[in-house]
């Protein structure tokens, strides 16, 4: 039988996994954004669209770099959920 405690813990685990998987992309985007902002401050270039392309490239690079790890984390979580279905429906 599914209890409210189970739903809360399952949701918390799923959200934690989502945050862990998103962390590398967010981190790369943050580092590149700060670097571009510092470059803009030093050179007095105030072009707002200058930050988009480097951030997009950094996030894409992090996806390529961390994709095997992200897929492994998602597959392990999904496998645990599928294996434990009989326990969940009791």
PDB file of N, CA and C in Angstrom:
ATOM      1  N   UNK A   1       0.836  -1.179   0.000  1.00  0.00           N
ATOM      2  CA  UNK A   1       0.000   0.000   0.000  1.00  0.00           C
ATOM      3  C   UNK A   1       0.884   1.247   0.000  1.00  0.00           C
ATOM      4  N   UNK A   2       0.534   2.182  -0.798  1.00  0.00           N
ATOM      5  CA  UNK A   2       1.301   3.418  -0.925  1.00  0.00           C
ATOM      6  C   UNK A   2       0.866   4.383   0.175  1.00  0.00           C
ATOM      7  N   UNK A   3       1.845   4.791   0.970  1.00  0.00           N
ATOM      8  CA  UNK A   3       1.561   5.719   2.066  1.00  0.00           C
ATOM      9  C   UNK A   3       2.047   7.115   1.692  1.00  0.00           C
ATOM     10  N   UNK A   4       1.579   8.116   2.394  1.00  0.00           N
ATOM     11  CA  UNK A   4       2.077   9.473   2.127  1.00  0.00           C
ATOM     12  C   UNK A   4       3.593   9.598   2.343  1.00  0.00           C
ATOM     13  N   UNK A   5       4.119   8.854   3.322  1.00  0.00           N
ATOM     14  CA  UNK A   5       5.570   8.876   3.555  1.00  0.00           C
ATOM     15  C   UNK A   5       6.328   8.334   2.348  1.00  0.00           C
ATOM     16  N   UNK A   6       5.787   7.265   1.757  1.00  0.00           N
ATOM     17  CA  UNK A   6       6.426   6.697   0.567  1.00  0.00           C
ATOM     18  C   UNK A   6       6.418   7.693  -0.586  1.00  0.00           C
ATOM     19  N   UNK A   7       5.292   8.341  -0.788  1.00  0.00           N
ATOM     20  CA  UNK A   7       5.174   9.309  -1.885  1.00  0.00           C
ATOM     21  C   UNK A   7       6.159  10.457  -1.682  1.00  0.00           C
ATOM     22  N   UNK A   8       6.263  10.937  -0.454  1.00  0.00           N
ATOM     23  CA  UNK A   8       7.184  12.037  -0.163  1.00  0.00           C
ATOM     24  C   UNK A   8       8.627  11.604  -0.383  1.00  0.00           C
ATOM     25  N   UNK A   9       9.004  10.425   0.109  1.00  0.00           N
ATOM     26  CA  UNK A   9      10.389   9.968  -0.052  1.00  0.00           C
ATOM     27  C   UNK A   9      10.705   9.663  -1.512  1.00  0.00           C
ATOM     28  N   UNK A  10       9.755   9.075  -2.220  1.00  0.00           N
ATOM     29  CA  UNK A  10       9.968   8.790  -3.644  1.00  0.00           C
ATOM     30  C   UNK A  10      10.124  10.082  -4.439  1.00  0.00           C
ATOM     31  N   UNK A  11       9.276  11.060  -4.158  1.00  0.00           N
ATOM     32  CA  UNK A  11       9.368  12.353  -4.844  1.00  0.00           C
ATOM     33  C   UNK A  11      10.673  13.062  -4.510  1.00  0.00           C
ATOM     34  N   UNK A  12      11.082  12.992  -3.252  1.00  0.00           N
ATOM     35  CA  UNK A  12      12.342  13.623  -2.851  1.00  0.00           C
ATOM     36  C   UNK A  12      13.528  12.971  -3.550  1.00  0.00           C
ATOM     37  N   UNK A  13      13.507  11.655  -3.662  1.00  0.00           N
ATOM     38  CA  UNK A  13      14.591  10.959  -4.355  1.00  0.00           C
ATOM     39  C   UNK A  13      14.622  11.324  -5.837  1.00  0.00           C
ATOM     40  N   UNK A  14      13.456  11.405  -6.463  1.00  0.00           N
ATOM     41  CA  UNK A  14      13.393  11.770  -7.878  1.00  0.00           C
ATOM     42  C   UNK A  14      13.869  13.205  -8.101  1.00  0.00           C
ATOM     43  N   UNK A  15      13.472  14.125  -7.228  1.00  0.00           N
ATOM     44  CA  UNK A  15      13.927  15.515  -7.358  1.00  0.00           C
ATOM     45  C   UNK A  15      15.424  15.638  -7.108  1.00  0.00           C
ATOM     46  N   UNK A  16      15.929  14.883  -6.135  1.00  0.00           N
ATOM     47  CA  UNK A  16      17.371  14.906  -5.865  1.00  0.00           C
ATOM     48  C   UNK A  16      18.152  14.402  -7.073  1.00  0.00           C
ATOM     49  N   UNK A  17      17.661  13.331  -7.695  1.00  0.00           N
ATOM     50  CA  UNK A  17      18.312  12.805  -8.886  1.00  0.00           C
ATOM     51  C   UNK A  17      18.284  13.827 -10.021  1.00  0.00           C
ATOM     52  N   UNK A  18      17.150  14.494 -10.200  1.00  0.00           N
ATOM     53  CA  UNK A  18      17.045  15.510 -11.251  1.00  0.00           C
ATOM     54  C   UNK A  18      18.034  16.653 -11.013  1.00  0.00           C
ATOM     55  N   UNK A  19      18.181  17.073  -9.765  1.00  0.00           N
ATOM     56  CA  UNK A  19      19.136  18.139  -9.454  1.00  0.00           C
ATOM     57  C   UNK A  19      20.570  17.690  -9.664  1.00  0.00           C
ATOM     58  N   UNK A  20      20.882  16.457  -9.278  1.00  0.00           N
ATOM     59  CA  UNK A  20      22.233  15.937  -9.470  1.00  0.00           C
ATOM     60  C   UNK A  20      22.555  15.831 -10.958  1.00  0.00           C
ATOM     61  N   UNK A  21      21.591  15.397 -11.749  1.00  0.00           N
ATOM     62  CA  UNK A  21      21.822  15.264 -13.189  1.00  0.00           C
ATOM     63  C   UNK A  21      21.970  16.638 -13.848  1.00  0.00           C
ATOM     64  N   UNK A  22      21.227  17.620 -13.375  1.00  0.00           N
ATOM     65  CA  UNK A  22      21.282  18.960 -13.969  1.00  0.00           C
ATOM     66  C   UNK A  22      22.482  19.769 -13.493  1.00  0.00           C
ATOM     67  N   UNK A  23      23.108  19.380 -12.395  1.00  0.00           N
ATOM     68  CA  UNK A  23      24.186  20.168 -11.802  1.00  0.00           C
ATOM     69  C   UNK A  23      25.361  20.435 -12.747  1.00  0.00           C
ATOM     70  N   UNK A  24      25.870  19.450 -13.486  1.00  0.00           N
ATOM     71  CA  UNK A  24      27.000  19.769 -14.380  1.00  0.00           C
ATOM     72  C   UNK A  24      26.659  20.818 -15.442  1.00  0.00           C
ATOM     73  N   UNK A  25      25.477  20.727 -16.013  1.00  0.00           N
ATOM     74  CA  UNK A  25      25.090  21.697 -17.033  1.00  0.00           C
ATOM     75  C   UNK A  25      24.932  23.087 -16.431  1.00  0.00           C
ATOM     76  N   UNK A  26      24.296  23.156 -15.266  1.00  0.00           N
ATOM     77  CA  UNK A  26      24.124  24.446 -14.599  1.00  0.00           C
ATOM     78  C   UNK A  26      25.471  25.028 -14.179  1.00  0.00           C
ATOM     79  N   UNK A  27      26.358  24.172 -13.704  1.00  0.00           N
ATOM     80  CA  UNK A  27      27.684  24.632 -13.292  1.00  0.00           C
ATOM     81  C   UNK A  27      28.491  25.187 -14.449  1.00  0.00           C
ATOM     82  N   UNK A  28      28.505  24.477 -15.571  1.00  0.00           N
ATOM     83  CA  UNK A  28      29.228  24.961 -16.742  1.00  0.00           C
ATOM     84  C   UNK A  28      28.645  26.285 -17.216  1.00  0.00           C
ATOM     85  N   UNK A  29      27.315  26.376 -17.250  1.00  0.00           N
ATOM     86  CA  UNK A  29      26.665  27.617 -17.664  1.00  0.00           C
ATOM     87  C   UNK A  29      26.993  28.763 -16.726  1.00  0.00           C
ATOM     88  N   UNK A  30      27.036  28.487 -15.426  1.00  0.00           N
ATOM     89  CA  UNK A  30      27.369  29.515 -14.444  1.00  0.00           C
ATOM     90  C   UNK A  30      28.800  30.007 -14.614  1.00  0.00           C
ATOM     91  N   UNK A  31      29.741  29.092 -14.752  1.00  0.00           N
ATOM     92  CA  UNK A  31      31.156  29.483 -14.898  1.00  0.00           C
ATOM     93  C   UNK A  31      31.357  30.305 -16.160  1.00  0.00           C
ATOM     94  N   UNK A  32      30.783  29.868 -17.264  1.00  0.00           N
ATOM     95  CA  UNK A  32      30.931  30.611 -18.519  1.00  0.00           C
ATOM     96  C   UNK A  32      30.227  31.958 -18.429  1.00  0.00           C
ATOM     97  N   UNK A  33      29.067  31.998 -17.804  1.00  0.00           N
ATOM     98  CA  UNK A  33      28.357  33.270 -17.649  1.00  0.00           C
ATOM     99  C   UNK A  33      29.148  34.269 -16.832  1.00  0.00           C
ATOM    100  N   UNK A  34      29.761  33.818 -15.740  1.00  0.00           N
ATOM    101  CA  UNK A  34      30.583  34.718 -14.924  1.00  0.00           C
ATOM    102  C   UNK A  34      31.805  35.177 -15.698  1.00  0.00           C
ATOM    103  N   UNK A  35      32.439  34.255 -16.439  1.00  0.00           N
ATOM    104  CA  UNK A  35      33.620  34.627 -17.222  1.00  0.00           C
ATOM    105  C   UNK A  35      33.268  35.665 -18.291  1.00  0.00           C
ATOM    106  N   UNK A  36      32.165  35.460 -18.981  1.00  0.00           N
ATOM    107  CA  UNK A  36      31.755  36.415 -20.016  1.00  0.00           C
ATOM    108  C   UNK A  36      31.378  37.752 -19.378  1.00  0.00           C
ATOM    109  N   UNK A  37      30.725  37.727 -18.232  1.00  0.00           N
ATOM    110  CA  UNK A  37      30.368  38.974 -17.544  1.00  0.00           C
ATOM    111  C   UNK A  37      31.617  39.734 -17.118  1.00  0.00           C
ATOM    112  N   UNK A  38      32.616  39.002 -16.623  1.00  0.00           N
ATOM    113  CA  UNK A  38      33.875  39.663 -16.251  1.00  0.00           C
ATOM    114  C   UNK A  38      34.550  40.256 -17.485  1.00  0.00           C
ATOM    115  N   UNK A  39      34.535  39.527 -18.592  1.00  0.00           N
ATOM    116  CA  UNK A  39      35.108  40.040 -19.840  1.00  0.00           C
ATOM    117  C   UNK A  39      34.377  41.304 -20.287  1.00  0.00           C
ATOM    118  N   UNK A  40      33.055  41.291 -20.175  1.00  0.00           N
ATOM    119  CA  UNK A  40      32.276  42.471 -20.551  1.00  0.00           C
ATOM    120  C   UNK A  40      32.586  43.643 -19.634  1.00  0.00           C
ATOM    121  N   UNK A  41      32.779  43.396 -18.362  1.00  0.00           N
ATOM    122  CA  UNK A  41      33.084  44.482 -17.427  1.00  0.00           C
ATOM    123  C   UNK A  41      34.462  45.071 -17.695  1.00  0.00           C
ATOM    124  N   UNK A  42      35.414  44.214 -18.016  1.00  0.00           N
ATOM    125  CA  UNK A  42      36.782  44.688 -18.270  1.00  0.00           C
ATOM    126  C   UNK A  42      36.854  45.476 -19.569  1.00  0.00           C
ATOM    127  N   UNK A  43      36.151  45.014 -20.588  1.00  0.00           N
ATOM    128  CA  UNK A  43      36.246  45.654 -21.898  1.00  0.00           C
ATOM    129  C   UNK A  43      35.165  46.701 -22.131  1.00  0.00           C
ATOM    130  N   UNK A  44      34.276  46.891 -21.191  1.00  0.00           N
ATOM    131  CA  UNK A  44      33.161  47.842 -21.302  1.00  0.00           C
ATOM    132  C   UNK A  44      32.237  47.542 -22.472  1.00  0.00           C
ATOM    133  N   UNK A  45      32.176  46.287 -22.873  1.00  0.00           N
ATOM    134  CA  UNK A  45      31.217  45.861 -23.903  1.00  0.00           C
ATOM    135  C   UNK A  45      29.922  45.518 -23.177  1.00  0.00           C
ATOM    136  N   UNK A  46      28.856  46.200 -23.505  1.00  0.00           N
ATOM    137  CA  UNK A  46      27.584  45.988 -22.817  1.00  0.00           C
ATOM    138  C   UNK A  46      26.543  45.350 -23.743  1.00  0.00           C
ATOM    139  N   UNK A  47      26.967  44.419 -24.543  1.00  0.00           N
ATOM    140  CA  UNK A  47      26.062  43.718 -25.445  1.00  0.00           C
ATOM    141  C   UNK A  47      25.388  42.573 -24.688  1.00  0.00           C
ATOM    142  N   UNK A  48      24.081  42.622 -24.537  1.00  0.00           N
ATOM    143  CA  UNK A  48      23.345  41.632 -23.750  1.00  0.00           C
ATOM    144  C   UNK A  48      23.339  40.248 -24.402  1.00  0.00           C
ATOM    145  N   UNK A  49      23.382  40.199 -25.719  1.00  0.00           N
ATOM    146  CA  UNK A  49      23.295  38.910 -26.409  1.00  0.00           C
ATOM    147  C   UNK A  49      24.637  38.186 -26.460  1.00  0.00           C
ATOM    148  N   UNK A  50      25.703  38.825 -26.022  1.00  0.00           N
ATOM    149  CA  UNK A  50      27.028  38.212 -26.066  1.00  0.00           C
ATOM    150  C   UNK A  50      27.116  36.972 -25.175  1.00  0.00           C
ATOM    151  N   UNK A  51      26.349  36.910 -24.126  1.00  0.00           N
ATOM    152  CA  UNK A  51      26.458  35.795 -23.187  1.00  0.00           C
ATOM    153  C   UNK A  51      25.751  34.529 -23.655  1.00  0.00           C
ATOM    154  N   UNK A  52      24.806  34.640 -24.568  1.00  0.00           N
ATOM    155  CA  UNK A  52      23.998  33.478 -24.922  1.00  0.00           C
ATOM    156  C   UNK A  52      24.777  32.386 -25.635  1.00  0.00           C
ATOM    157  N   UNK A  53      25.539  32.732 -26.660  1.00  0.00           N
ATOM    158  CA  UNK A  53      26.241  31.724 -27.455  1.00  0.00           C
ATOM    159  C   UNK A  53      27.272  30.967 -26.614  1.00  0.00           C
ATOM    160  N   UNK A  54      28.140  31.635 -25.838  1.00  0.00           N
ATOM    161  CA  UNK A  54      29.082  30.861 -25.008  1.00  0.00           C
ATOM    162  C   UNK A  54      28.382  29.959 -23.984  1.00  0.00           C
ATOM    163  N   UNK A  55      27.290  30.440 -23.403  1.00  0.00           N
ATOM    164  CA  UNK A  55      26.565  29.608 -22.436  1.00  0.00           C
ATOM    165  C   UNK A  55      25.956  28.389 -23.120  1.00  0.00           C
ATOM    166  N   UNK A  56      25.364  28.588 -24.279  1.00  0.00           N
ATOM    167  CA  UNK A  56      24.766  27.467 -25.011  1.00  0.00           C
ATOM    168  C   UNK A  56      25.835  26.447 -25.370  1.00  0.00           C
ATOM    169  N   UNK A  57      26.986  26.922 -25.847  1.00  0.00           N
ATOM    170  CA  UNK A  57      28.077  26.010 -26.197  1.00  0.00           C
ATOM    171  C   UNK A  57      28.605  25.274 -24.965  1.00  0.00           C
ATOM    172  N   UNK A  58      28.709  25.967 -23.838  1.00  0.00           N
ATOM    173  CA  UNK A  58      29.189  25.332 -22.612  1.00  0.00           C
ATOM    174  C   UNK A  58      28.214  24.259 -22.132  1.00  0.00           C
ATOM    175  N   UNK A  59      26.930  24.553 -22.176  1.00  0.00           N
ATOM    176  CA  UNK A  59      25.930  23.569 -21.751  1.00  0.00           C
ATOM    177  C   UNK A  59      25.932  22.373 -22.697  1.00  0.00           C
ATOM    178  N   UNK A  60      26.045  22.612 -23.984  1.00  0.00           N
ATOM    179  CA  UNK A  60      26.110  21.506 -24.941  1.00  0.00           C
ATOM    180  C   UNK A  60      27.356  20.662 -24.709  1.00  0.00           C
ATOM    181  N   UNK A  61      28.486  21.297 -24.433  1.00  0.00           N
ATOM    182  CA  UNK A  61      29.725  20.557 -24.155  1.00  0.00           C
ATOM    183  C   UNK A  61      29.583  19.728 -22.885  1.00  0.00           C
ATOM    184  N   UNK A  62      28.934  20.289 -21.868  1.00  0.00           N
ATOM    185  CA  UNK A  62      28.758  19.524 -20.634  1.00  0.00           C
ATOM    186  C   UNK A  62      27.810  18.347 -20.848  1.00  0.00           C
ATOM    187  N   UNK A  63      26.813  18.519 -21.688  1.00  0.00           N
ATOM    188  CA  UNK A  63      25.913  17.404 -21.998  1.00  0.00           C
ATOM    189  C   UNK A  63      26.686  16.284 -22.679  1.00  0.00           C
ATOM    190  N   UNK A  64      27.518  16.644 -23.648  1.00  0.00           N
ATOM    191  CA  UNK A  64      28.316  15.635 -24.352  1.00  0.00           C
ATOM    192  C   UNK A  64      29.278  14.955 -23.381  1.00  0.00           C
ATOM    193  N   UNK A  65      29.895  15.738 -22.501  1.00  0.00           N
ATOM    194  CA  UNK A  65      30.881  15.204 -21.579  1.00  0.00           C
ATOM    195  C   UNK A  65      30.246  14.304 -20.514  1.00  0.00           C
ATOM    196  N   UNK A  66      29.125  14.718 -19.963  1.00  0.00           N
ATOM    197  CA  UNK A  66      28.504  13.995 -18.857  1.00  0.00           C
ATOM    198  C   UNK A  66      27.365  13.076 -19.277  1.00  0.00           C
ATOM    199  N   UNK A  67      27.076  12.952 -20.566  1.00  0.00           N
ATOM    200  CA  UNK A  67      25.939  12.157 -21.021  1.00  0.00           C
ATOM    201  C   UNK A  67      25.984  10.703 -20.548  1.00  0.00           C
ATOM    202  N   UNK A  68      27.138  10.006 -20.667  1.00  0.00           N
ATOM    203  CA  UNK A  68      27.142   8.615 -20.187  1.00  0.00           C
ATOM    204  C   UNK A  68      26.817   8.497 -18.690  1.00  0.00           C
ATOM    205  N   UNK A  69      27.352   9.402 -17.901  1.00  0.00           N
ATOM    206  CA  UNK A  69      27.081   9.388 -16.458  1.00  0.00           C
ATOM    207  C   UNK A  69      25.607   9.691 -16.181  1.00  0.00           C
ATOM    208  N   UNK A  70      25.040  10.667 -16.884  1.00  0.00           N
ATOM    209  CA  UNK A  70      23.633  11.028 -16.684  1.00  0.00           C
ATOM    210  C   UNK A  70      22.721   9.860 -17.056  1.00  0.00           C
ATOM    211  N   UNK A  71      23.008   9.207 -18.177  1.00  0.00           N
ATOM    212  CA  UNK A  71      22.196   8.062 -18.602  1.00  0.00           C
ATOM    213  C   UNK A  71      22.312   6.926 -17.585  1.00  0.00           C
ATOM    214  N   UNK A  72      23.527   6.691 -17.074  1.00  0.00           N
ATOM    215  CA  UNK A  72      23.715   5.636 -16.080  1.00  0.00           C
ATOM    216  C   UNK A  72      22.899   5.912 -14.822  1.00  0.00           C
ATOM    217  N   UNK A  73      22.906   7.162 -14.369  1.00  0.00           N
ATOM    218  CA  UNK A  73      22.128   7.522 -13.178  1.00  0.00           C
ATOM    219  C   UNK A  73      20.631   7.311 -13.430  1.00  0.00           C
ATOM    220  N   UNK A  74      20.133   7.740 -14.592  1.00  0.00           N
ATOM    221  CA  UNK A  74      18.709   7.585 -14.894  1.00  0.00           C
ATOM    222  C   UNK A  74      18.317   6.122 -15.051  1.00  0.00           C
ATOM    223  N   UNK A  75      19.175   5.330 -15.698  1.00  0.00           N
ATOM    224  CA  UNK A  75      18.872   3.908 -15.895  1.00  0.00           C
ATOM    225  C   UNK A  75      18.858   3.189 -14.548  1.00  0.00           C
ATOM    226  N   UNK A  76      19.816   3.511 -13.662  1.00  0.00           N
ATOM    227  CA  UNK A  76      19.843   2.874 -12.346  1.00  0.00           C
ATOM    228  C   UNK A  76      18.586   3.221 -11.542  1.00  0.00           C
ATOM    229  N   UNK A  77      18.172   4.474 -11.576  1.00  0.00           N
ATOM    230  CA  UNK A  77      16.960   4.875 -10.855  1.00  0.00           C
ATOM    231  C   UNK A  77      15.740   4.167 -11.420  1.00  0.00           C
ATOM    232  N   UNK A  78      15.629   4.144 -12.740  1.00  0.00           N
ATOM    233  CA  UNK A  78      14.485   3.494 -13.379  1.00  0.00           C
ATOM    234  C   UNK A  78      14.472   1.997 -13.088  1.00  0.00           C
ATOM    235  N   UNK A  79      15.636   1.369 -13.108  1.00  0.00           N
ATOM    236  CA  UNK A  79      15.720  -0.064 -12.811  1.00  0.00           C
ATOM    237  C   UNK A  79      15.286  -0.337 -11.373  1.00  0.00           C
ATOM    238  N   UNK A  80      15.729   0.512 -10.434  1.00  0.00           N
ATOM    239  CA  UNK A  80      15.304   0.341  -9.037  1.00  0.00           C
ATOM    240  C   UNK A  80      13.788   0.486  -8.909  1.00  0.00           C
ATOM    241  N   UNK A  81      13.222   1.436  -9.609  1.00  0.00           N
ATOM    242  CA  UNK A  81      11.771   1.636  -9.544  1.00  0.00           C
ATOM    243  C   UNK A  81      11.044   0.425 -10.115  1.00  0.00           C
ATOM    244  N   UNK A  82      11.484  -0.057 -11.258  1.00  0.00           N
ATOM    245  CA  UNK A  82      10.810  -1.192 -11.894  1.00  0.00           C
ATOM    246  C   UNK A  82      10.961  -2.456 -11.055  1.00  0.00           C
ATOM    247  N   UNK A  83      12.153  -2.678 -10.506  1.00  0.00           N
ATOM    248  CA  UNK A  83      12.371  -3.864  -9.674  1.00  0.00           C
ATOM    249  C   UNK A  83      11.502  -3.824  -8.421  1.00  0.00           C
ATOM    250  N   UNK A  84      11.293  -2.636  -7.871  1.00  0.00           N
ATOM    251  CA  UNK A  84      10.537  -2.510  -6.624  1.00  0.00           C
ATOM    252  C   UNK A  84       9.031  -2.332  -6.815  1.00  0.00           C
ATOM    253  N   UNK A  85       8.528  -2.432  -8.027  1.00  0.00           N
ATOM    254  CA  UNK A  85       7.084  -2.288  -8.261  1.00  0.00           C
ATOM    255  C   UNK A  85       6.272  -3.270  -7.415  1.00  0.00           C
ATOM    256  N   UNK A  86       6.668  -4.544  -7.318  1.00  0.00           N
ATOM    257  CA  UNK A  86       5.870  -5.446  -6.471  1.00  0.00           C
ATOM    258  C   UNK A  86       5.804  -4.979  -5.005  1.00  0.00           C
ATOM    259  N   UNK A  87       6.878  -4.403  -4.516  1.00  0.00           N
ATOM    260  CA  UNK A  87       6.870  -3.893  -3.138  1.00  0.00           C
ATOM    261  C   UNK A  87       5.963  -2.674  -3.015  1.00  0.00           C
ATOM    262  N   UNK A  88       5.918  -1.853  -4.063  1.00  0.00           N
ATOM    263  CA  UNK A  88       5.119  -0.628  -4.012  1.00  0.00           C
ATOM    264  C   UNK A  88       3.617  -0.919  -4.003  1.00  0.00           C
ATOM    265  N   UNK A  89       3.194  -1.987  -4.667  1.00  0.00           N
ATOM    266  CA  UNK A  89       1.759  -2.229  -4.806  1.00  0.00           C
ATOM    267  C   UNK A  89       1.187  -3.078  -3.682  1.00  0.00           C
ATOM    268  N   UNK A  90       1.995  -3.477  -2.735  1.00  0.00           N
ATOM    269  CA  UNK A  90       1.476  -4.274  -1.612  1.00  0.00           C
ATOM    270  C   UNK A  90       0.583  -3.478  -0.734  1.00  0.00           C
TER     271      UNK A  90
END
